[in-house]
Amino acid sequence: MACWALRHGDKVVATPRNPAALQGFVSQYSNPLLMLRLDVDTPAEIAAAFRKANAALVHFVVVLNSASYVVAGEIEGTPRARQV
């Protein structure tokens, strides 16, 4: 989604947990792309990322969250914290 938006002239704020893993992506689209480290399990980091994005972009049109994880195994063996 970010690639499509950047190719069409939109500004993008990307928020990976590990920005270094996307260094090639950053160098390909450096000007309209703002890369901010974000751990979505930390509410303070979420708020800080929104403040930085708002300062850089002035306003948002779309917020897309694709953060996820996979739990493999039976539900009974999965810790409760990972079920919600």
N, C-alpha and C. Protein backbone atom coordinates (compact mmCIF):
# COMPACT_ATOMS: atom_id res chain seq x y z
N MET A 1 0.82 -1.19 0.00
CA MET A 1 0.00 0.00 0.00
C MET A 1 0.86 1.25 0.00
N ALA A 2 1.92 1.24 0.81
CA ALA A 2 2.81 2.40 0.87
C ALA A 2 3.47 2.66 -0.48
N CYS A 3 3.91 1.60 -1.15
CA CYS A 3 4.53 1.77 -2.48
C CYS A 3 3.56 2.41 -3.46
N TRP A 4 2.32 1.92 -3.46
CA TRP A 4 1.32 2.46 -4.37
C TRP A 4 1.10 3.94 -4.09
N ALA A 5 0.95 4.30 -2.82
CA ALA A 5 0.71 5.70 -2.46
C ALA A 5 1.88 6.58 -2.87
N LEU A 6 3.10 6.11 -2.62
CA LEU A 6 4.28 6.90 -2.98
C LEU A 6 4.41 7.07 -4.49
N ARG A 7 4.13 6.02 -5.23
CA ARG A 7 4.20 6.11 -6.70
C ARG A 7 3.16 7.08 -7.26
N HIS A 8 2.09 7.29 -6.53
CA HIS A 8 1.03 8.20 -6.98
C HIS A 8 1.14 9.59 -6.36
N GLY A 9 2.30 9.89 -5.77
CA GLY A 9 2.57 11.24 -5.29
C GLY A 9 2.09 11.56 -3.90
N ASP A 10 1.58 10.57 -3.19
CA ASP A 10 1.12 10.82 -1.82
C ASP A 10 2.29 10.77 -0.85
N LYS A 11 2.12 11.43 0.28
CA LYS A 11 3.11 11.38 1.35
C LYS A 11 2.75 10.22 2.27
N VAL A 12 3.78 9.54 2.78
CA VAL A 12 3.56 8.35 3.61
C VAL A 12 4.40 8.43 4.86
N VAL A 13 3.80 8.07 5.98
CA VAL A 13 4.53 7.88 7.23
C VAL A 13 4.50 6.38 7.51
N ALA A 14 5.65 5.76 7.50
CA ALA A 14 5.76 4.32 7.77
C ALA A 14 6.24 4.14 9.20
N THR A 15 5.66 3.19 9.91
CA THR A 15 5.97 3.03 11.34
C THR A 15 6.33 1.58 11.68
N PRO A 16 7.45 1.08 11.19
CA PRO A 16 7.84 -0.29 11.55
C PRO A 16 8.48 -0.35 12.93
N ARG A 17 8.50 -1.54 13.52
CA ARG A 17 9.22 -1.72 14.78
C ARG A 17 10.72 -1.59 14.57
N ASN A 18 11.18 -2.00 13.38
CA ASN A 18 12.61 -1.99 13.08
C ASN A 18 12.85 -1.24 11.77
N PRO A 19 13.02 0.06 11.79
CA PRO A 19 13.22 0.83 10.56
C PRO A 19 14.43 0.38 9.74
N ALA A 20 15.45 -0.14 10.39
CA ALA A 20 16.65 -0.59 9.65
C ALA A 20 16.31 -1.70 8.66
N ALA A 21 15.30 -2.49 8.97
CA ALA A 21 14.90 -3.58 8.07
C ALA A 21 14.33 -3.06 6.75
N LEU A 22 13.90 -1.81 6.73
CA LEU A 22 13.32 -1.21 5.53
C LEU A 22 14.22 -0.15 4.90
N GLN A 23 15.50 -0.21 5.16
CA GLN A 23 16.42 0.80 4.66
C GLN A 23 16.40 0.91 3.14
N GLY A 24 16.29 -0.21 2.44
CA GLY A 24 16.20 -0.18 0.97
C GLY A 24 14.96 0.55 0.50
N PHE A 25 13.88 0.34 1.20
CA PHE A 25 12.63 1.02 0.88
C PHE A 25 12.77 2.52 1.09
N VAL A 26 13.40 2.91 2.17
CA VAL A 26 13.61 4.33 2.48
C VAL A 26 14.44 4.99 1.39
N SER A 27 15.52 4.35 0.98
CA SER A 27 16.39 4.96 -0.04
C SER A 27 15.69 5.07 -1.39
N GLN A 28 14.75 4.20 -1.66
CA GLN A 28 14.02 4.23 -2.92
C GLN A 28 13.02 5.38 -2.96
N TYR A 29 12.43 5.72 -1.83
CA TYR A 29 11.39 6.75 -1.77
C TYR A 29 11.70 7.80 -0.71
N SER A 30 12.91 8.24 -0.58
CA SER A 30 13.32 9.06 0.56
C SER A 30 12.54 10.36 0.74
N ASN A 31 12.26 11.11 -0.30
CA ASN A 31 11.66 12.44 -0.13
C ASN A 31 10.25 12.42 0.45
N PRO A 32 9.28 11.71 -0.15
CA PRO A 32 7.92 11.80 0.41
C PRO A 32 7.64 10.80 1.52
N LEU A 33 8.69 10.13 2.04
CA LEU A 33 8.50 9.08 3.03
C LEU A 33 9.12 9.46 4.36
N LEU A 34 8.33 9.42 5.41
CA LEU A 34 8.83 9.65 6.77
C LEU A 34 8.79 8.31 7.49
N MET A 35 9.93 7.86 8.00
CA MET A 35 10.03 6.58 8.69
C MET A 35 10.16 6.84 10.18
N LEU A 36 9.21 6.32 10.97
CA LEU A 36 9.23 6.47 12.43
C LEU A 36 9.16 5.10 13.07
N ARG A 37 10.04 4.84 14.05
CA ARG A 37 9.99 3.58 14.77
C ARG A 37 8.75 3.57 15.65
N LEU A 38 8.03 2.44 15.66
CA LEU A 38 6.82 2.35 16.47
C LEU A 38 6.57 0.91 16.88
N ASP A 39 6.39 0.71 18.17
CA ASP A 39 5.94 -0.57 18.71
C ASP A 39 4.49 -0.36 19.10
N VAL A 40 3.56 -0.99 18.39
CA VAL A 40 2.13 -0.75 18.62
C VAL A 40 1.64 -1.30 19.95
N ASP A 41 2.48 -2.02 20.67
CA ASP A 41 2.12 -2.49 22.01
C ASP A 41 2.40 -1.43 23.07
N THR A 42 2.96 -0.28 22.67
CA THR A 42 3.34 0.77 23.61
C THR A 42 2.52 2.03 23.31
N PRO A 43 1.48 2.29 24.11
CA PRO A 43 0.61 3.45 23.84
C PRO A 43 1.35 4.78 23.73
N ALA A 44 2.39 4.99 24.52
CA ALA A 44 3.14 6.25 24.44
C ALA A 44 3.82 6.40 23.09
N GLU A 45 4.31 5.29 22.52
CA GLU A 45 4.94 5.36 21.19
C GLU A 45 3.91 5.66 20.11
N ILE A 46 2.71 5.14 20.27
CA ILE A 46 1.64 5.43 19.30
C ILE A 46 1.33 6.92 19.29
N ALA A 47 1.14 7.48 20.47
CA ALA A 47 0.84 8.91 20.59
C ALA A 47 1.97 9.75 20.02
N ALA A 48 3.22 9.39 20.33
CA ALA A 48 4.37 10.14 19.82
C ALA A 48 4.45 10.07 18.30
N ALA A 49 4.18 8.91 17.73
CA ALA A 49 4.23 8.76 16.27
C ALA A 49 3.17 9.62 15.60
N PHE A 50 1.96 9.66 16.18
CA PHE A 50 0.91 10.52 15.61
C PHE A 50 1.29 11.98 15.71
N ARG A 51 1.89 12.40 16.81
CA ARG A 51 2.32 13.81 16.94
C ARG A 51 3.37 14.16 15.88
N LYS A 52 4.36 13.27 15.69
CA LYS A 52 5.41 13.53 14.70
C LYS A 52 4.84 13.53 13.29
N ALA A 53 3.95 12.60 13.00
CA ALA A 53 3.33 12.55 11.67
C ALA A 53 2.49 13.79 11.42
N ASN A 54 1.75 14.22 12.42
CA ASN A 54 0.92 15.41 12.28
C ASN A 54 1.77 16.65 12.05
N ALA A 55 2.90 16.74 12.75
CA ALA A 55 3.81 17.88 12.57
C ALA A 55 4.40 17.89 11.17
N ALA A 56 4.68 16.72 10.63
CA ALA A 56 5.30 16.62 9.30
C ALA A 56 4.29 16.81 8.17
N LEU A 57 3.08 16.32 8.36
CA LEU A 57 2.10 16.31 7.27
C LEU A 57 0.99 17.34 7.43
N VAL A 58 0.83 17.92 8.59
CA VAL A 58 -0.21 18.89 8.93
C VAL A 58 -1.57 18.22 9.11
N HIS A 59 -1.99 17.34 8.23
CA HIS A 59 -3.25 16.63 8.41
C HIS A 59 -3.16 15.24 7.79
N PHE A 60 -4.04 14.34 8.21
CA PHE A 60 -4.07 12.97 7.69
C PHE A 60 -5.32 12.80 6.85
N VAL A 61 -5.22 11.96 5.85
CA VAL A 61 -6.40 11.58 5.08
C VAL A 61 -6.74 10.13 5.39
N VAL A 62 -5.72 9.28 5.48
CA VAL A 62 -5.92 7.85 5.72
C VAL A 62 -4.91 7.36 6.75
N VAL A 63 -5.38 6.52 7.67
CA VAL A 63 -4.50 5.81 8.59
C VAL A 63 -4.74 4.33 8.35
N LEU A 64 -3.70 3.60 8.00
CA LEU A 64 -3.80 2.17 7.71
C LEU A 64 -2.91 1.42 8.69
N ASN A 65 -3.49 0.50 9.41
CA ASN A 65 -2.75 -0.31 10.38
C ASN A 65 -2.70 -1.75 9.88
N SER A 66 -1.51 -2.23 9.63
CA SER A 66 -1.38 -3.63 9.20
C SER A 66 -0.54 -4.43 10.18
N ALA A 67 -0.41 -3.94 11.42
CA ALA A 67 0.35 -4.66 12.44
C ALA A 67 -0.38 -5.95 12.79
N SER A 68 0.37 -7.03 12.84
CA SER A 68 -0.24 -8.31 13.18
C SER A 68 0.83 -9.29 13.62
N TYR A 69 0.39 -10.42 14.09
CA TYR A 69 1.29 -11.51 14.44
C TYR A 69 0.54 -12.82 14.25
N VAL A 70 1.28 -13.90 14.23
CA VAL A 70 0.69 -15.22 14.02
C VAL A 70 0.92 -16.05 15.27
N VAL A 71 -0.11 -16.72 15.71
CA VAL A 71 0.00 -17.68 16.80
C VAL A 71 -0.36 -19.04 16.22
N ALA A 72 0.60 -19.95 16.26
CA ALA A 72 0.36 -21.29 15.72
C ALA A 72 0.19 -22.26 16.89
N GLY A 73 -0.87 -22.99 16.87
CA GLY A 73 -1.11 -23.96 17.93
C GLY A 73 -2.56 -23.92 18.37
N GLU A 74 -2.87 -24.78 19.33
CA GLU A 74 -4.25 -24.85 19.82
C GLU A 74 -4.54 -23.68 20.75
N ILE A 75 -5.75 -23.21 20.75
CA ILE A 75 -6.12 -22.05 21.55
C ILE A 75 -5.94 -22.31 23.04
N GLU A 76 -6.17 -23.55 23.47
CA GLU A 76 -6.03 -23.87 24.89
C GLU A 76 -4.60 -23.72 25.38
N GLY A 77 -3.64 -23.88 24.50
CA GLY A 77 -2.23 -23.77 24.87
C GLY A 77 -1.65 -22.39 24.67
N THR A 78 -2.47 -21.45 24.23
CA THR A 78 -2.01 -20.09 23.97
C THR A 78 -2.25 -19.22 25.20
N PRO A 79 -1.24 -18.49 25.65
CA PRO A 79 -1.45 -17.61 26.82
C PRO A 79 -2.57 -16.62 26.57
N ARG A 80 -3.34 -16.32 27.58
CA ARG A 80 -4.50 -15.43 27.46
C ARG A 80 -4.12 -14.07 26.87
N ALA A 81 -2.96 -13.55 27.21
CA ALA A 81 -2.53 -12.25 26.71
C ALA A 81 -2.44 -12.23 25.19
N ARG A 82 -2.19 -13.35 24.55
CA ARG A 82 -2.08 -13.41 23.09
C ARG A 82 -3.40 -13.71 22.40
N GLN A 83 -4.45 -13.99 23.15
CA GLN A 83 -5.73 -14.32 22.56
C GLN A 83 -6.60 -13.10 22.31
N VAL A 84 -6.27 -11.97 22.91
CA VAL A 84 -7.10 -10.78 22.74
C VAL A 84 -6.42 -9.74 21.89
